Amino acid sequence: MQEGGVHRLYAGRLSDGEHVLDVSVSGKQAGNRAFHQQRSVTITKLPGRKYLELQLGPGKNMQNPGLTVREW
């Protein structure tokens, strides 16, 4: 996704309890440099709806993109 955007990755039901989400993102950044980010997050699903947001943006050192996972 160039220049931002939103894409729904999964819409379905999960049973209540703990789940592990493994995220792996590969791509190219400016200057045609390749990057790869991985993140593993444990979430606890309670009754009701849960949304997860994955965001790829500027990282701490500004040379590599940062990958964040947010629950809401």
Protein backbone atom coordinates (compact mmCIF):
# COMPACT_ATOMS: atom_id res chain seq x y z
CA MET A 1 0.00 0.00 0.00
CA GLN A 2 1.70 3.14 -1.16
CA GLU A 3 0.95 6.55 0.33
CA GLY A 4 -1.23 5.18 3.14
CA GLY A 5 -4.46 3.24 3.02
CA VAL A 6 -6.57 0.80 4.98
CA HIS A 7 -7.14 -2.86 4.28
CA ARG A 8 -9.29 -5.28 6.27
CA LEU A 9 -7.23 -8.43 6.83
CA TYR A 10 -9.71 -10.59 8.73
CA ALA A 11 -13.34 -10.35 9.76
CA GLY A 12 -14.57 -13.36 11.68
CA ARG A 13 -15.20 -14.86 15.07
CA LEU A 14 -12.63 -15.93 17.61
CA SER A 15 -13.39 -17.92 20.72
CA ASP A 16 -12.94 -16.18 24.06
CA GLY A 17 -9.50 -16.61 25.66
CA GLU A 18 -5.88 -15.96 24.74
CA HIS A 19 -4.70 -15.84 21.14
CA VAL A 20 -1.27 -15.16 19.62
CA LEU A 21 -1.05 -12.89 16.60
CA ASP A 22 2.13 -13.20 14.51
CA VAL A 23 2.66 -10.33 12.07
CA SER A 24 5.29 -10.29 9.33
CA VAL A 25 5.65 -7.40 6.86
CA SER A 26 8.13 -7.16 3.99
CA GLY A 27 8.53 -4.35 1.49
CA LYS A 28 10.71 -1.70 -0.03
CA GLN A 29 11.30 1.79 1.25
CA ALA A 30 12.69 4.88 -0.44
CA GLY A 31 15.88 4.22 -2.32
CA ASN A 32 14.65 0.70 -3.14
CA ARG A 33 15.95 -0.64 0.22
CA ALA A 34 14.24 -3.84 1.40
CA PHE A 35 12.89 -4.13 4.94
CA HIS A 36 11.27 -6.84 7.04
CA GLN A 37 9.44 -6.41 10.34
CA GLN A 38 8.05 -9.13 12.63
CA ARG A 39 5.96 -8.82 15.75
CA SER A 40 4.20 -11.35 17.98
CA VAL A 41 1.40 -10.16 20.26
CA THR A 42 -0.74 -12.10 22.74
CA ILE A 43 -4.30 -10.82 23.05
CA THR A 44 -7.08 -11.83 25.41
CA LYS A 45 -10.50 -12.03 23.76
CA LEU A 46 -13.42 -11.35 26.09
CA PRO A 47 -17.13 -11.61 25.21
CA GLY A 48 -18.08 -8.87 22.75
CA ARG A 49 -16.22 -7.27 19.88
CA LYS A 50 -12.49 -6.65 19.71
CA TYR A 51 -10.60 -4.77 17.00
CA LEU A 52 -6.89 -4.84 16.27
CA GLU A 53 -5.10 -2.14 14.31
CA LEU A 54 -1.77 -2.82 12.60
CA GLN A 55 0.11 0.31 11.63
CA LEU A 56 3.30 0.59 9.63
CA GLY A 57 4.92 3.99 9.92
CA PRO A 58 8.11 5.84 10.79
CA GLY A 59 10.27 3.91 13.23
CA LYS A 60 12.31 5.14 16.16
CA ASN A 61 15.55 5.44 14.19
CA MET A 62 13.83 6.78 11.02
CA GLN A 63 15.84 4.35 8.85
CA ASN A 64 13.46 1.41 9.27
CA PRO A 65 9.67 1.49 9.41
CA GLY A 66 8.03 0.72 12.75
CA LEU A 67 5.21 -1.80 13.17
CA THR A 68 2.69 -1.21 15.96
CA VAL A 69 -0.29 -3.30 17.06
CA ARG A 70 -3.14 -1.59 18.93
CA GLU A 71 -6.24 -3.14 20.53
CA TRP A 72 -9.51 -1.24 20.72
